[in-house]
């Protein structure tokens, strides 16, 4: 014959373990938050790197169209701004340099890698402040991309 206390024992063990998942979640929640913030920051910086490279490429494509446009920094700046307009801290930016997070410089180079006249565009973008991760990601990153293209015509 079964003891009536033995039938209650599994339920008692279940009740004593009921708070374990809450404790485990409380211990792992900071790590999960840390991973989420890191993934968010890393994704933003990766997008900023790609957008800056694309802005430099588009500006260099314009400046390489002729000898007259090879050193046109003002129009190259407007092309770069148009390419970077979807990045959060670029809203309202209309000029390059000064207090702007964007600097664009276009130069006419006497000879490129193939010893022909070339145009060189340098785009420097400073990201907005995000949450730093010590040892991995800083609060802000300055990205510089240089593109050189042969002048056509």
C-alpha atoms as a PDB file:
ATOM      1  CA  UNK A   1       0.000   0.000   0.000  1.00  0.00           C
ATOM      2  CA  UNK A   2       1.288   3.455  -0.954  1.00  0.00           C
ATOM      3  CA  UNK A   3       2.025   6.055   1.611  1.00  0.00           C
ATOM      4  CA  UNK A   4      -0.127   9.147   1.128  1.00  0.00           C
ATOM      5  CA  UNK A   5       2.935  11.375   1.677  1.00  0.00           C
ATOM      6  CA  UNK A   6       4.772   9.885  -1.314  1.00  0.00           C
ATOM      7  CA  UNK A   7       2.035  11.037  -3.685  1.00  0.00           C
ATOM      8  CA  UNK A   8       2.531  14.636  -2.549  1.00  0.00           C
ATOM      9  CA  UNK A   9       6.312  14.635  -2.797  1.00  0.00           C
ATOM     10  CA  UNK A  10       6.667  15.327  -6.552  1.00  0.00           C
ATOM     11  CA  UNK A  11       4.375  18.351  -6.303  1.00  0.00           C
ATOM     12  CA  UNK A  12       6.389  19.653  -3.369  1.00  0.00           C
ATOM     13  CA  UNK A  13       9.605  19.311  -5.382  1.00  0.00           C
ATOM     14  CA  UNK A  14       7.974  21.119  -8.281  1.00  0.00           C
ATOM     15  CA  UNK A  15       6.977  24.009  -6.023  1.00  0.00           C
ATOM     16  CA  UNK A  16      10.488  24.358  -4.642  1.00  0.00           C
ATOM     17  CA  UNK A  17      11.932  24.582  -8.217  1.00  0.00           C
ATOM     18  CA  UNK A  18       9.377  27.039  -9.536  1.00  0.00           C
ATOM     19  CA  UNK A  19      11.570  30.154  -8.925  1.00  0.00           C
ATOM     20  CA  UNK A  20      14.656  28.728 -10.661  1.00  0.00           C
ATOM     21  CA  UNK A  21      13.803  30.099 -14.093  1.00  0.00           C
ATOM     22  CA  UNK A  22      13.204  33.584 -12.670  1.00  0.00           C
ATOM     23  CA  UNK A  23      16.600  33.500 -10.954  1.00  0.00           C
ATOM     24  CA  UNK A  24      18.308  32.246 -14.129  1.00  0.00           C
ATOM     25  CA  UNK A  25      16.676  34.963 -16.201  1.00  0.00           C
ATOM     26  CA  UNK A  26      17.747  37.608 -13.667  1.00  0.00           C
ATOM     27  CA  UNK A  27      21.338  36.352 -13.893  1.00  0.00           C
ATOM     28  CA  UNK A  28      21.419  36.259 -17.712  1.00  0.00           C
ATOM     29  CA  UNK A  29      19.400  39.423 -18.436  1.00  0.00           C
ATOM     30  CA  UNK A  30      22.419  41.794 -18.233  1.00  0.00           C
ATOM     31  CA  UNK A  31      24.334  39.605 -20.679  1.00  0.00           C
ATOM     32  CA  UNK A  32      21.404  39.497 -23.071  1.00  0.00           C
ATOM     33  CA  UNK A  33      21.068  43.285 -22.886  1.00  0.00           C
ATOM     34  CA  UNK A  34      24.826  43.654 -23.454  1.00  0.00           C
ATOM     35  CA  UNK A  35      24.619  41.409 -26.540  1.00  0.00           C
ATOM     36  CA  UNK A  36      21.617  43.315 -27.913  1.00  0.00           C
ATOM     37  CA  UNK A  37      23.327  46.699 -27.491  1.00  0.00           C
ATOM     38  CA  UNK A  38      26.506  45.339 -29.074  1.00  0.00           C
ATOM     39  CA  UNK A  39      24.629  43.950 -32.065  1.00  0.00           C
ATOM     40  CA  UNK A  40      22.747  47.246 -32.500  1.00  0.00           C
ATOM     41  CA  UNK A  41      25.941  49.342 -32.351  1.00  0.00           C
ATOM     42  CA  UNK A  42      27.842  46.957 -34.604  1.00  0.00           C
ATOM     43  CA  UNK A  43      25.045  47.029 -37.180  1.00  0.00           C
ATOM     44  CA  UNK A  44      24.929  50.818 -37.160  1.00  0.00           C
ATOM     45  CA  UNK A  45      28.698  51.082 -37.627  1.00  0.00           C
ATOM     46  CA  UNK A  46      28.664  48.504 -40.433  1.00  0.00           C
ATOM     47  CA  UNK A  47      25.931  50.457 -42.225  1.00  0.00           C
ATOM     48  CA  UNK A  48      27.889  53.705 -41.743  1.00  0.00           C
ATOM     49  CA  UNK A  49      30.999  52.069 -43.256  1.00  0.00           C
ATOM     50  CA  UNK A  50      29.082  50.902 -46.309  1.00  0.00           C
ATOM     51  CA  UNK A  51      27.285  54.215 -46.773  1.00  0.00           C
ATOM     52  CA  UNK A  52      30.542  56.197 -46.485  1.00  0.00           C
ATOM     53  CA  UNK A  53      32.215  53.982 -49.088  1.00  0.00           C
ATOM     54  CA  UNK A  54      29.234  54.417 -51.385  1.00  0.00           C
ATOM     55  CA  UNK A  55      29.268  58.208 -50.903  1.00  0.00           C
ATOM     56  CA  UNK A  56      32.964  58.356 -51.789  1.00  0.00           C
ATOM     57  CA  UNK A  57      32.387  56.210 -54.877  1.00  0.00           C
ATOM     58  CA  UNK A  58      29.468  58.341 -56.115  1.00  0.00           C
ATOM     59  CA  UNK A  59      31.375  61.594 -55.545  1.00  0.00           C
ATOM     60  CA  UNK A  60      34.447  60.197 -57.345  1.00  0.00           C
ATOM     61  CA  UNK A  61      32.283  59.070 -60.239  1.00  0.00           C
ATOM     62  CA  UNK A  62      31.091  62.668 -60.638  1.00  0.00           C
ATOM     63  CA  UNK A  63      34.553  64.241 -60.319  1.00  0.00           C
ATOM     64  CA  UNK A  64      36.084  61.817 -62.815  1.00  0.00           C
ATOM     65  CA  UNK A  65      33.650  62.836 -65.560  1.00  0.00           C
ATOM     66  CA  UNK A  66      35.945  65.583 -66.928  1.00  0.00           C
ATOM     67  CA  UNK A  67      39.036  67.669 -66.164  1.00  0.00           C
ATOM     68  CA  UNK A  68      36.790  70.608 -65.187  1.00  0.00           C
ATOM     69  CA  UNK A  69      35.004  68.619 -62.465  1.00  0.00           C
ATOM     70  CA  UNK A  70      38.059  66.778 -61.122  1.00  0.00           C
ATOM     71  CA  UNK A  71      38.554  69.200 -58.215  1.00  0.00           C
ATOM     72  CA  UNK A  72      34.919  70.255 -57.635  1.00  0.00           C
ATOM     73  CA  UNK A  73      34.555  69.627 -53.890  1.00  0.00           C
ATOM     74  CA  UNK A  74      31.248  71.503 -53.551  1.00  0.00           C
ATOM     75  CA  UNK A  75      29.306  69.327 -55.989  1.00  0.00           C
ATOM     76  CA  UNK A  76      31.075  66.191 -54.747  1.00  0.00           C
ATOM     77  CA  UNK A  77      29.865  67.184 -51.264  1.00  0.00           C
ATOM     78  CA  UNK A  78      26.262  67.413 -52.452  1.00  0.00           C
ATOM     79  CA  UNK A  79      26.511  63.937 -54.013  1.00  0.00           C
ATOM     80  CA  UNK A  80      27.960  62.537 -50.770  1.00  0.00           C
ATOM     81  CA  UNK A  81      25.249  64.202 -48.663  1.00  0.00           C
ATOM     82  CA  UNK A  82      22.580  62.732 -50.924  1.00  0.00           C
ATOM     83  CA  UNK A  83      24.113  59.273 -50.499  1.00  0.00           C
ATOM     84  CA  UNK A  84      24.356  59.596 -46.693  1.00  0.00           C
ATOM     85  CA  UNK A  85      20.950  61.199 -46.063  1.00  0.00           C
ATOM     86  CA  UNK A  86      19.483  58.044 -44.471  1.00  0.00           C
ATOM     87  CA  UNK A  87      22.016  58.005 -41.625  1.00  0.00           C
ATOM     88  CA  UNK A  88      20.498  59.471 -38.415  1.00  0.00           C
ATOM     89  CA  UNK A  89      22.874  62.368 -37.687  1.00  0.00           C
ATOM     90  CA  UNK A  90      22.879  63.577 -41.313  1.00  0.00           C
ATOM     91  CA  UNK A  91      19.396  65.081 -41.243  1.00  0.00           C
ATOM     92  CA  UNK A  92      19.611  68.789 -41.980  1.00  0.00           C
ATOM     93  CA  UNK A  93      23.266  68.676 -43.105  1.00  0.00           C
ATOM     94  CA  UNK A  94      23.754  70.841 -46.187  1.00  0.00           C
ATOM     95  CA  UNK A  95      27.500  71.522 -46.183  1.00  0.00           C
ATOM     96  CA  UNK A  96      30.674  69.537 -45.675  1.00  0.00           C
ATOM     97  CA  UNK A  97      33.221  70.618 -43.112  1.00  0.00           C
ATOM     98  CA  UNK A  98      33.033  72.897 -40.095  1.00  0.00           C
ATOM     99  CA  UNK A  99      30.752  71.467 -37.416  1.00  0.00           C
ATOM    100  CA  UNK A 100      29.238  68.987 -39.878  1.00  0.00           C
ATOM    101  CA  UNK A 101      29.826  65.273 -39.287  1.00  0.00           C
ATOM    102  CA  UNK A 102      30.866  65.052 -42.964  1.00  0.00           C
ATOM    103  CA  UNK A 103      33.951  66.324 -44.779  1.00  0.00           C
ATOM    104  CA  UNK A 104      34.429  65.856 -48.527  1.00  0.00           C
ATOM    105  CA  UNK A 105      37.578  66.821 -50.416  1.00  0.00           C
ATOM    106  CA  UNK A 106      38.042  66.425 -54.168  1.00  0.00           C
ATOM    107  CA  UNK A 107      41.482  66.726 -55.745  1.00  0.00           C
ATOM    108  CA  UNK A 108      42.753  66.564 -59.287  1.00  0.00           C
ATOM    109  CA  UNK A 109      45.686  64.144 -59.242  1.00  0.00           C
ATOM    110  CA  UNK A 110      48.299  64.478 -62.003  1.00  0.00           C
ATOM    111  CA  UNK A 111      48.707  60.739 -62.379  1.00  0.00           C
ATOM    112  CA  UNK A 112      46.736  57.857 -60.975  1.00  0.00           C
ATOM    113  CA  UNK A 113      47.809  54.223 -60.675  1.00  0.00           C
ATOM    114  CA  UNK A 114      47.845  53.844 -64.480  1.00  0.00           C
ATOM    115  CA  UNK A 115      49.836  57.110 -64.885  1.00  0.00           C
ATOM    116  CA  UNK A 116      46.825  58.901 -66.421  1.00  0.00           C
ATOM    117  CA  UNK A 117      45.083  61.998 -64.939  1.00  0.00           C
ATOM    118  CA  UNK A 118      42.829  61.019 -62.048  1.00  0.00           C
ATOM    119  CA  UNK A 119      40.398  62.463 -59.550  1.00  0.00           C
ATOM    120  CA  UNK A 120      40.644  61.629 -55.860  1.00  0.00           C
ATOM    121  CA  UNK A 121      37.779  62.081 -53.394  1.00  0.00           C
ATOM    122  CA  UNK A 122      38.181  61.777 -49.627  1.00  0.00           C
ATOM    123  CA  UNK A 123      35.015  61.377 -47.535  1.00  0.00           C
ATOM    124  CA  UNK A 124      35.288  61.563 -43.745  1.00  0.00           C
ATOM    125  CA  UNK A 125      32.209  60.826 -41.648  1.00  0.00           C
ATOM    126  CA  UNK A 126      31.906  60.940 -37.855  1.00  0.00           C
ATOM    127  CA  UNK A 127      29.199  58.690 -36.456  1.00  0.00           C
ATOM    128  CA  UNK A 128      26.720  59.730 -33.823  1.00  0.00           C
ATOM    129  CA  UNK A 129      27.396  58.815 -30.184  1.00  0.00           C
ATOM    130  CA  UNK A 130      26.215  55.351 -29.277  1.00  0.00           C
ATOM    131  CA  UNK A 131      26.712  53.113 -26.247  1.00  0.00           C
ATOM    132  CA  UNK A 132      30.414  52.222 -25.947  1.00  0.00           C
ATOM    133  CA  UNK A 133      31.549  48.655 -25.309  1.00  0.00           C
ATOM    134  CA  UNK A 134      34.954  48.780 -23.573  1.00  0.00           C
ATOM    135  CA  UNK A 135      37.593  47.005 -25.592  1.00  0.00           C
ATOM    136  CA  UNK A 136      35.345  46.520 -28.645  1.00  0.00           C
ATOM    137  CA  UNK A 137      33.479  49.653 -29.729  1.00  0.00           C
ATOM    138  CA  UNK A 138      34.083  53.276 -28.844  1.00  0.00           C
ATOM    139  CA  UNK A 139      31.386  55.903 -28.400  1.00  0.00           C
ATOM    140  CA  UNK A 140      32.068  57.476 -31.824  1.00  0.00           C
ATOM    141  CA  UNK A 141      33.972  56.313 -34.871  1.00  0.00           C
ATOM    142  CA  UNK A 142      35.464  58.494 -37.596  1.00  0.00           C
ATOM    143  CA  UNK A 143      35.365  56.761 -40.960  1.00  0.00           C
ATOM    144  CA  UNK A 144      37.536  57.932 -43.853  1.00  0.00           C
ATOM    145  CA  UNK A 145      37.260  56.525 -47.364  1.00  0.00           C
ATOM    146  CA  UNK A 146      39.455  57.580 -50.297  1.00  0.00           C
ATOM    147  CA  UNK A 147      38.465  56.747 -53.877  1.00  0.00           C
ATOM    148  CA  UNK A 148      40.568  57.512 -56.920  1.00  0.00           C
ATOM    149  CA  UNK A 149      39.218  57.270 -60.499  1.00  0.00           C
ATOM    150  CA  UNK A 150      40.739  58.020 -63.855  1.00  0.00           C
ATOM    151  CA  UNK A 151      39.381  61.182 -65.480  1.00  0.00           C
ATOM    152  CA  UNK A 152      37.401  60.346 -68.585  1.00  0.00           C
ATOM    153  CA  UNK A 153      37.711  62.364 -71.771  1.00  0.00           C
END
